[in-house]
Amino acid sequence: MDPARVELVGRASAPFATVAGALDPRVTRVWSVHGAGEPYTLMSHNLRKSVPWRPARALVAGLANILAAGPRLAPERWAPLVAPRDFIMINATEDERLPREAIMTLFDSARDPKELIWLPGLHVQSNRTEILQGLVRTVLQRAARPS
């Protein structure tokens, strides 16, 4: 363990990893793995099947966003505060759960040094072994490089 090199990896938990990384100066590099910004947009997008009627979906997503402290925990609010430490995002080119615009909102909000790595495939899930292996391989290879 190298106490001078603490890397924080958040998988599908961009808000928590980004907030923690922004607030804790001991963190030397923050990883957002299959994360995105715009909590309301993410909730609305992922409610499409269960709440197909758009006005109802907007209401449910809005309420969920407020109850989950979405505006306060929005990772795009915290990502700029990670700098001057590295902020690295790994996302999927065919992600069915995260709209590309929400991914780019988070990436664009971060300040340099930052990096966005696109891997082929769908959103990470425990039954998608190839995607999980690709993510682990990518993080380990990239983490071997100095921040």
N, C-alpha and C. Protein backbone atom coordinates (compact mmCIF):
# COMPACT_ATOMS: atom_id res chain seq x y z
N MET A 1 0.85 -1.17 0.00
CA MET A 1 0.00 0.00 0.00
C MET A 1 0.89 1.23 0.00
N ASP A 2 0.59 2.14 -0.88
CA ASP A 2 1.35 3.39 -0.97
C ASP A 2 0.45 4.53 -0.49
N PRO A 3 0.64 5.02 0.74
CA PRO A 3 -0.24 6.07 1.26
C PRO A 3 -0.14 7.39 0.49
N ALA A 4 0.89 7.54 -0.32
CA ALA A 4 1.03 8.75 -1.13
C ALA A 4 0.26 8.65 -2.44
N ARG A 5 -0.32 7.47 -2.68
CA ARG A 5 -1.04 7.25 -3.93
C ARG A 5 -2.36 6.53 -3.63
N VAL A 6 -3.41 7.30 -3.43
CA VAL A 6 -4.72 6.74 -3.11
C VAL A 6 -5.65 7.00 -4.29
N GLU A 7 -6.15 5.91 -4.89
CA GLU A 7 -7.03 6.03 -6.04
C GLU A 7 -8.43 5.62 -5.61
N LEU A 8 -9.41 6.41 -6.00
CA LEU A 8 -10.79 6.16 -5.63
C LEU A 8 -11.55 5.78 -6.89
N VAL A 9 -12.11 4.57 -6.90
CA VAL A 9 -12.85 4.07 -8.05
C VAL A 9 -14.32 3.94 -7.68
N GLY A 10 -15.17 4.61 -8.45
CA GLY A 10 -16.61 4.51 -8.25
C GLY A 10 -17.24 3.89 -9.49
N ARG A 11 -17.83 2.72 -9.34
CA ARG A 11 -18.51 2.09 -10.45
C ARG A 11 -20.00 2.42 -10.38
N ALA A 12 -20.47 3.06 -11.41
CA ALA A 12 -21.87 3.46 -11.48
C ALA A 12 -22.26 4.27 -10.24
N SER A 13 -21.29 4.85 -9.61
CA SER A 13 -21.56 5.67 -8.43
C SER A 13 -20.78 6.97 -8.56
N ALA A 14 -20.86 7.55 -9.72
CA ALA A 14 -20.11 8.78 -9.97
C ALA A 14 -20.33 9.83 -8.90
N PRO A 15 -21.56 10.00 -8.39
CA PRO A 15 -21.73 11.06 -7.39
C PRO A 15 -20.89 10.82 -6.14
N PHE A 16 -20.89 9.63 -5.61
CA PHE A 16 -20.21 9.38 -4.34
C PHE A 16 -18.70 9.42 -4.49
N ALA A 17 -18.17 8.80 -5.52
CA ALA A 17 -16.72 8.82 -5.73
C ALA A 17 -16.25 10.23 -6.04
N THR A 18 -17.02 10.95 -6.83
CA THR A 18 -16.61 12.31 -7.21
C THR A 18 -16.67 13.25 -6.02
N VAL A 19 -17.70 13.17 -5.22
CA VAL A 19 -17.79 14.03 -4.03
C VAL A 19 -16.66 13.70 -3.07
N ALA A 20 -16.45 12.43 -2.79
CA ALA A 20 -15.39 12.03 -1.86
C ALA A 20 -14.02 12.47 -2.39
N GLY A 21 -13.80 12.26 -3.68
CA GLY A 21 -12.52 12.66 -4.27
C GLY A 21 -12.31 14.16 -4.25
N ALA A 22 -13.38 14.91 -4.44
CA ALA A 22 -13.28 16.37 -4.41
C ALA A 22 -12.97 16.88 -3.01
N LEU A 23 -13.51 16.22 -2.00
CA LEU A 23 -13.37 16.70 -0.62
C LEU A 23 -12.13 16.18 0.10
N ASP A 24 -11.61 15.04 -0.31
CA ASP A 24 -10.50 14.43 0.41
C ASP A 24 -9.19 14.61 -0.36
N PRO A 25 -8.31 15.47 0.10
CA PRO A 25 -7.07 15.74 -0.62
C PRO A 25 -6.10 14.55 -0.64
N ARG A 26 -6.36 13.53 0.17
CA ARG A 26 -5.50 12.34 0.14
C ARG A 26 -5.71 11.51 -1.13
N VAL A 27 -6.86 11.69 -1.77
CA VAL A 27 -7.15 10.96 -3.01
C VAL A 27 -6.33 11.58 -4.13
N THR A 28 -5.51 10.75 -4.79
CA THR A 28 -4.63 11.25 -5.83
C THR A 28 -5.22 11.10 -7.23
N ARG A 29 -6.22 10.23 -7.39
CA ARG A 29 -6.85 10.06 -8.70
C ARG A 29 -8.26 9.53 -8.47
N VAL A 30 -9.23 10.09 -9.19
CA VAL A 30 -10.63 9.68 -9.09
C VAL A 30 -11.04 9.02 -10.40
N TRP A 31 -11.67 7.86 -10.27
CA TRP A 31 -12.18 7.11 -11.42
C TRP A 31 -13.70 7.08 -11.36
N SER A 32 -14.32 7.41 -12.45
CA SER A 32 -15.77 7.26 -12.60
C SER A 32 -15.98 6.18 -13.66
N VAL A 33 -16.36 5.00 -13.21
CA VAL A 33 -16.53 3.86 -14.11
C VAL A 33 -18.02 3.69 -14.40
N HIS A 34 -18.37 3.89 -15.64
CA HIS A 34 -19.77 3.86 -16.10
C HIS A 34 -20.60 4.82 -15.26
N GLY A 35 -20.13 6.04 -15.20
CA GLY A 35 -20.84 7.09 -14.50
C GLY A 35 -21.18 8.22 -15.45
N ALA A 36 -22.05 9.09 -14.98
CA ALA A 36 -22.49 10.23 -15.79
C ALA A 36 -23.01 11.31 -14.86
N GLY A 37 -23.27 12.46 -15.43
CA GLY A 37 -23.86 13.56 -14.68
C GLY A 37 -25.37 13.59 -14.86
N GLU A 38 -25.96 14.70 -14.47
CA GLU A 38 -27.39 14.95 -14.64
C GLU A 38 -28.28 13.87 -13.99
N PRO A 39 -28.31 13.81 -12.67
CA PRO A 39 -29.09 12.78 -11.99
C PRO A 39 -30.55 12.70 -12.45
N TYR A 40 -31.20 13.84 -12.64
CA TYR A 40 -32.59 13.80 -13.10
C TYR A 40 -32.70 13.11 -14.46
N THR A 41 -31.81 13.45 -15.38
CA THR A 41 -31.84 12.85 -16.71
C THR A 41 -31.63 11.34 -16.63
N LEU A 42 -30.71 10.92 -15.77
CA LEU A 42 -30.46 9.48 -15.62
C LEU A 42 -31.68 8.76 -15.06
N MET A 43 -32.32 9.35 -14.07
CA MET A 43 -33.51 8.73 -13.49
C MET A 43 -34.63 8.65 -14.52
N SER A 44 -34.87 9.72 -15.21
CA SER A 44 -35.92 9.75 -16.23
C SER A 44 -35.63 8.73 -17.33
N HIS A 45 -34.41 8.68 -17.78
CA HIS A 45 -34.01 7.74 -18.84
C HIS A 45 -34.24 6.29 -18.41
N ASN A 46 -33.90 5.98 -17.18
CA ASN A 46 -34.01 4.60 -16.71
C ASN A 46 -35.41 4.22 -16.24
N LEU A 47 -36.31 5.18 -16.20
CA LEU A 47 -37.71 4.89 -15.87
C LEU A 47 -38.58 4.68 -17.11
N ARG A 48 -38.01 4.76 -18.30
CA ARG A 48 -38.79 4.70 -19.54
C ARG A 48 -39.65 3.46 -19.64
N LYS A 49 -39.14 2.31 -19.25
CA LYS A 49 -39.92 1.07 -19.35
C LYS A 49 -40.99 0.97 -18.28
N SER A 50 -40.65 1.33 -17.06
CA SER A 50 -41.61 1.17 -15.96
C SER A 50 -42.64 2.30 -15.88
N VAL A 51 -42.30 3.48 -16.40
CA VAL A 51 -43.23 4.62 -16.42
C VAL A 51 -43.21 5.19 -17.84
N PRO A 52 -43.94 4.56 -18.76
CA PRO A 52 -43.84 4.96 -20.17
C PRO A 52 -44.45 6.33 -20.49
N TRP A 53 -45.42 6.78 -19.70
CA TRP A 53 -46.07 8.06 -19.99
C TRP A 53 -45.15 9.19 -19.53
N ARG A 54 -44.70 10.02 -20.46
CA ARG A 54 -43.68 11.03 -20.19
C ARG A 54 -44.02 11.98 -19.04
N PRO A 55 -45.23 12.53 -18.95
CA PRO A 55 -45.52 13.44 -17.82
C PRO A 55 -45.39 12.75 -16.45
N ALA A 56 -45.86 11.52 -16.37
CA ALA A 56 -45.74 10.78 -15.10
C ALA A 56 -44.27 10.48 -14.81
N ARG A 57 -43.53 10.11 -15.84
CA ARG A 57 -42.10 9.82 -15.66
C ARG A 57 -41.35 11.06 -15.19
N ALA A 58 -41.69 12.21 -15.74
CA ALA A 58 -41.05 13.46 -15.34
C ALA A 58 -41.32 13.74 -13.86
N LEU A 59 -42.54 13.50 -13.44
CA LEU A 59 -42.91 13.72 -12.04
C LEU A 59 -42.15 12.77 -11.12
N VAL A 60 -42.15 11.49 -11.47
CA VAL A 60 -41.47 10.49 -10.64
C VAL A 60 -39.95 10.78 -10.59
N ALA A 61 -39.36 11.06 -11.74
CA ALA A 61 -37.92 11.34 -11.78
C ALA A 61 -37.59 12.61 -10.99
N GLY A 62 -38.44 13.62 -11.10
CA GLY A 62 -38.21 14.86 -10.37
C GLY A 62 -38.27 14.65 -8.87
N LEU A 63 -39.26 13.90 -8.43
CA LEU A 63 -39.40 13.61 -7.00
C LEU A 63 -38.22 12.76 -6.50
N ALA A 64 -37.87 11.73 -7.27
CA ALA A 64 -36.74 10.88 -6.89
C ALA A 64 -35.44 11.69 -6.83
N ASN A 65 -35.28 12.59 -7.77
CA ASN A 65 -34.07 13.43 -7.81
C ASN A 65 -33.97 14.29 -6.55
N ILE A 66 -35.08 14.84 -6.12
CA ILE A 66 -35.09 15.67 -4.91
C ILE A 66 -34.83 14.81 -3.67
N LEU A 67 -35.53 13.67 -3.57
CA LEU A 67 -35.37 12.80 -2.40
C LEU A 67 -33.96 12.21 -2.30
N ALA A 68 -33.33 11.99 -3.44
CA ALA A 68 -31.97 11.42 -3.45
C ALA A 68 -30.89 12.50 -3.40
N ALA A 69 -31.29 13.74 -3.17
CA ALA A 69 -30.36 14.87 -3.10
C ALA A 69 -29.58 15.03 -4.41
N GLY A 70 -30.24 14.72 -5.53
CA GLY A 70 -29.62 14.80 -6.83
C GLY A 70 -28.93 16.13 -7.13
N PRO A 71 -29.61 17.26 -6.89
CA PRO A 71 -28.94 18.53 -7.18
C PRO A 71 -27.67 18.75 -6.35
N ARG A 72 -27.68 18.33 -5.09
CA ARG A 72 -26.50 18.51 -4.23
C ARG A 72 -25.38 17.54 -4.56
N LEU A 73 -25.76 16.31 -4.97
CA LEU A 73 -24.76 15.28 -5.24
C LEU A 73 -24.41 15.15 -6.72
N ALA A 74 -24.97 15.98 -7.56
CA ALA A 74 -24.68 15.89 -9.00
C ALA A 74 -23.17 15.90 -9.21
N PRO A 75 -22.64 14.84 -9.82
CA PRO A 75 -21.18 14.76 -9.93
C PRO A 75 -20.57 15.88 -10.76
N GLU A 76 -21.33 16.45 -11.68
CA GLU A 76 -20.79 17.56 -12.47
C GLU A 76 -20.55 18.80 -11.62
N ARG A 77 -21.18 18.85 -10.47
CA ARG A 77 -20.96 19.95 -9.53
C ARG A 77 -19.63 19.78 -8.80
N TRP A 78 -19.22 18.54 -8.57
CA TRP A 78 -18.05 18.23 -7.77
C TRP A 78 -16.80 17.92 -8.59
N ALA A 79 -16.97 17.45 -9.81
CA ALA A 79 -15.82 17.05 -10.64
C ALA A 79 -14.77 18.15 -10.82
N PRO A 80 -15.17 19.41 -11.00
CA PRO A 80 -14.13 20.44 -11.15
C PRO A 80 -13.22 20.57 -9.92
N LEU A 81 -13.72 20.18 -8.76
CA LEU A 81 -12.96 20.31 -7.52
C LEU A 81 -11.93 19.21 -7.32
N VAL A 82 -11.97 18.19 -8.18
CA VAL A 82 -10.97 17.13 -8.11
C VAL A 82 -9.61 17.65 -8.57
N ALA A 83 -9.61 18.54 -9.57
CA ALA A 83 -8.36 19.10 -10.09
C ALA A 83 -7.61 19.82 -8.97
N PRO A 84 -6.32 19.72 -8.97
CA PRO A 84 -5.41 19.33 -10.05
C PRO A 84 -5.10 17.84 -10.09
N ARG A 85 -5.86 17.03 -9.37
CA ARG A 85 -5.66 15.58 -9.40
C ARG A 85 -6.39 15.01 -10.62
N ASP A 86 -5.99 13.80 -11.06
CA ASP A 86 -6.58 13.17 -12.24
C ASP A 86 -8.04 12.79 -12.01
N PHE A 87 -8.83 13.01 -13.03
CA PHE A 87 -10.22 12.55 -13.07
C PHE A 87 -10.36 11.71 -14.34
N ILE A 88 -10.60 10.42 -14.15
CA ILE A 88 -10.66 9.50 -15.29
C ILE A 88 -12.04 8.85 -15.34
N MET A 89 -12.63 8.89 -16.52
CA MET A 89 -13.92 8.24 -16.74
C MET A 89 -13.72 7.08 -17.70
N ILE A 90 -14.40 5.97 -17.40
CA ILE A 90 -14.45 4.84 -18.34
C ILE A 90 -15.92 4.59 -18.61
N ASN A 91 -16.29 4.65 -19.86
CA ASN A 91 -17.69 4.46 -20.24
C ASN A 91 -17.80 3.51 -21.42
N ALA A 92 -19.01 3.02 -21.64
CA ALA A 92 -19.30 2.05 -22.70
C ALA A 92 -19.89 2.74 -23.92
N THR A 93 -19.43 2.32 -25.09
CA THR A 93 -19.90 2.93 -26.33
C THR A 93 -21.37 2.64 -26.62
N GLU A 94 -21.89 1.54 -26.11
CA GLU A 94 -23.28 1.14 -26.38
C GLU A 94 -24.12 1.16 -25.10
N ASP A 95 -23.77 2.00 -24.17
CA ASP A 95 -24.45 2.01 -22.86
C ASP A 95 -25.93 2.33 -23.01
N GLU A 96 -26.75 1.39 -22.58
CA GLU A 96 -28.21 1.56 -22.66
C GLU A 96 -28.78 2.26 -21.44
N ARG A 97 -27.99 2.45 -20.41
CA ARG A 97 -28.48 3.06 -19.18
C ARG A 97 -28.07 4.51 -19.01
N LEU A 98 -26.97 4.91 -19.66
CA LEU A 98 -26.46 6.27 -19.51
C LEU A 98 -26.49 6.99 -20.85
N PRO A 99 -27.32 8.01 -20.97
CA PRO A 99 -27.31 8.77 -22.23
C PRO A 99 -25.96 9.45 -22.43
N ARG A 100 -25.50 9.45 -23.65
CA ARG A 100 -24.19 10.02 -23.99
C ARG A 100 -24.09 11.48 -23.51
N GLU A 101 -25.18 12.24 -23.62
CA GLU A 101 -25.15 13.65 -23.20
C GLU A 101 -24.84 13.78 -21.71
N ALA A 102 -25.38 12.86 -20.91
CA ALA A 102 -25.13 12.91 -19.46
C ALA A 102 -23.68 12.52 -19.15
N ILE A 103 -23.15 11.59 -19.93
CA ILE A 103 -21.74 11.22 -19.77
C ILE A 103 -20.87 12.43 -20.08
N MET A 104 -21.18 13.09 -21.19
CA MET A 104 -20.36 14.24 -21.61
C MET A 104 -20.52 15.43 -20.66
N THR A 105 -21.68 15.57 -20.05
CA THR A 105 -21.86 16.64 -19.06
C THR A 105 -20.86 16.48 -17.93
N LEU A 106 -20.72 15.25 -17.44
CA LEU A 106 -19.77 15.01 -16.36
C LEU A 106 -18.35 15.25 -16.84
N PHE A 107 -17.99 14.69 -17.98
CA PHE A 107 -16.62 14.86 -18.47
C PHE A 107 -16.30 16.33 -18.72
N ASP A 108 -17.21 17.05 -19.37
CA ASP A 108 -16.97 18.45 -19.68
C ASP A 108 -16.86 19.32 -18.43
N SER A 109 -17.50 18.90 -17.35
CA SER A 109 -17.45 19.70 -16.11
C SER A 109 -16.10 19.58 -15.41
N ALA A 110 -15.42 18.46 -15.62
CA ALA A 110 -14.13 18.25 -14.95
C ALA A 110 -13.07 19.14 -15.58
N ARG A 111 -12.11 19.51 -14.76
CA ARG A 111 -10.97 20.29 -15.25
C ARG A 111 -9.79 19.36 -15.47
N ASP A 112 -8.83 19.82 -16.23
CA ASP A 112 -7.62 19.03 -16.46
C ASP A 112 -6.86 18.87 -15.16
N PRO A 113 -6.22 17.74 -14.99
CA PRO A 113 -6.08 16.64 -15.92
C PRO A 113 -7.30 15.71 -15.86
N LYS A 114 -7.80 15.37 -17.04
CA LYS A 114 -8.95 14.48 -17.13
C LYS A 114 -8.79 13.61 -18.36
N GLU A 115 -9.50 12.48 -18.34
CA GLU A 115 -9.42 11.54 -19.46
C GLU A 115 -10.74 10.79 -19.54
N LEU A 116 -11.19 10.54 -20.76
CA LEU A 116 -12.39 9.74 -21.00
C LEU A 116 -11.99 8.56 -21.87
N ILE A 117 -12.18 7.36 -21.34
CA ILE A 117 -11.84 6.13 -22.04
C ILE A 117 -13.14 5.46 -22.44
N TRP A 118 -13.29 5.19 -23.73
CA TRP A 118 -14.48 4.50 -24.23
C TRP A 118 -14.13 3.04 -24.48
N LEU A 119 -14.89 2.13 -23.86
CA LEU A 119 -14.74 0.71 -24.12
C LEU A 119 -15.96 0.22 -24.89
N PRO A 120 -15.77 -0.75 -25.78
CA PRO A 120 -16.92 -1.27 -26.52
C PRO A 120 -17.86 -2.04 -25.60
N GLY A 121 -19.14 -1.99 -25.93
CA GLY A 121 -20.09 -2.81 -25.19
C GLY A 121 -21.18 -2.02 -24.49
N LEU A 122 -21.91 -2.77 -23.66
CA LEU A 122 -23.07 -2.25 -22.94
C LEU A 122 -22.68 -1.82 -21.52
N HIS A 123 -23.68 -1.37 -20.78
CA HIS A 123 -23.49 -0.95 -19.38
C HIS A 123 -23.03 -2.13 -18.54
N VAL A 124 -22.21 -1.86 -17.56
CA VAL A 124 -21.68 -2.91 -16.69
C VAL A 124 -22.81 -3.52 -15.85
N GLN A 125 -22.81 -4.84 -15.80
CA GLN A 125 -23.72 -5.61 -14.95
C GLN A 125 -22.96 -6.85 -14.50
N SER A 126 -23.36 -7.42 -13.38
CA SER A 126 -22.63 -8.56 -12.83
C SER A 126 -22.63 -9.77 -13.76
N ASN A 127 -23.63 -9.90 -14.62
CA ASN A 127 -23.68 -11.05 -15.53
C ASN A 127 -22.98 -10.79 -16.86
N ARG A 128 -22.36 -9.66 -17.02
CA ARG A 128 -21.63 -9.32 -18.25
C ARG A 128 -20.14 -9.44 -17.97
N THR A 129 -19.69 -10.68 -17.91
CA THR A 129 -18.33 -11.00 -17.51
C THR A 129 -17.28 -10.32 -18.38
N GLU A 130 -17.48 -10.32 -19.69
CA GLU A 130 -16.48 -9.72 -20.59
C GLU A 130 -16.32 -8.23 -20.31
N ILE A 131 -17.43 -7.55 -20.03
CA ILE A 131 -17.37 -6.12 -19.74
C ILE A 131 -16.63 -5.88 -18.42
N LEU A 132 -16.95 -6.68 -17.42
CA LEU A 132 -16.27 -6.56 -16.12
C LEU A 132 -14.77 -6.80 -16.26
N GLN A 133 -14.40 -7.82 -17.00
CA GLN A 133 -12.98 -8.12 -17.19
C GLN A 133 -12.28 -6.98 -17.92
N GLY A 134 -12.94 -6.41 -18.93
CA GLY A 134 -12.36 -5.29 -19.66
C GLY A 134 -12.16 -4.07 -18.77
N LEU A 135 -13.13 -3.82 -17.90
CA LEU A 135 -13.02 -2.69 -16.98
C LEU A 135 -11.86 -2.88 -16.00
N VAL A 136 -11.77 -4.06 -15.41
CA VAL A 136 -10.70 -4.34 -14.46
C VAL A 136 -9.34 -4.22 -15.15
N ARG A 137 -9.23 -4.81 -16.33
CA ARG A 137 -7.97 -4.75 -17.07
C ARG A 137 -7.59 -3.30 -17.37
N THR A 138 -8.55 -2.50 -17.82
CA THR A 138 -8.28 -1.11 -18.16
C THR A 138 -7.85 -0.30 -16.93
N VAL A 139 -8.56 -0.48 -15.83
CA VAL A 139 -8.20 0.26 -14.60
C VAL A 139 -6.81 -0.13 -14.13
N LEU A 140 -6.51 -1.43 -14.10
CA LEU A 140 -5.21 -1.87 -13.62
C LEU A 140 -4.07 -1.39 -14.52
N GLN A 141 -4.28 -1.45 -15.83
CA GLN A 141 -3.24 -0.96 -16.75
C GLN A 141 -3.02 0.53 -16.60
N ARG A 142 -4.10 1.27 -16.54
CA ARG A 142 -4.01 2.74 -16.47
C ARG A 142 -3.51 3.17 -15.09
N ALA A 143 -3.90 2.46 -14.05
CA ALA A 143 -3.47 2.81 -12.68
C ALA A 143 -1.97 2.59 -12.50
N ALA A 144 -1.39 1.73 -13.31
CA ALA A 144 0.06 1.49 -13.21
C ALA A 144 0.86 2.71 -13.65
N ARG A 145 0.22 3.58 -14.44
CA ARG A 145 0.90 4.82 -14.87
C ARG A 145 0.82 5.83 -13.74
N PRO A 146 1.84 6.64 -13.58
CA PRO A 146 1.78 7.68 -12.54
C PRO A 146 0.69 8.71 -12.84
N SER A 147 0.13 9.26 -11.78
CA SER A 147 -0.90 10.30 -11.98
C SER A 147 -0.24 11.62 -12.27
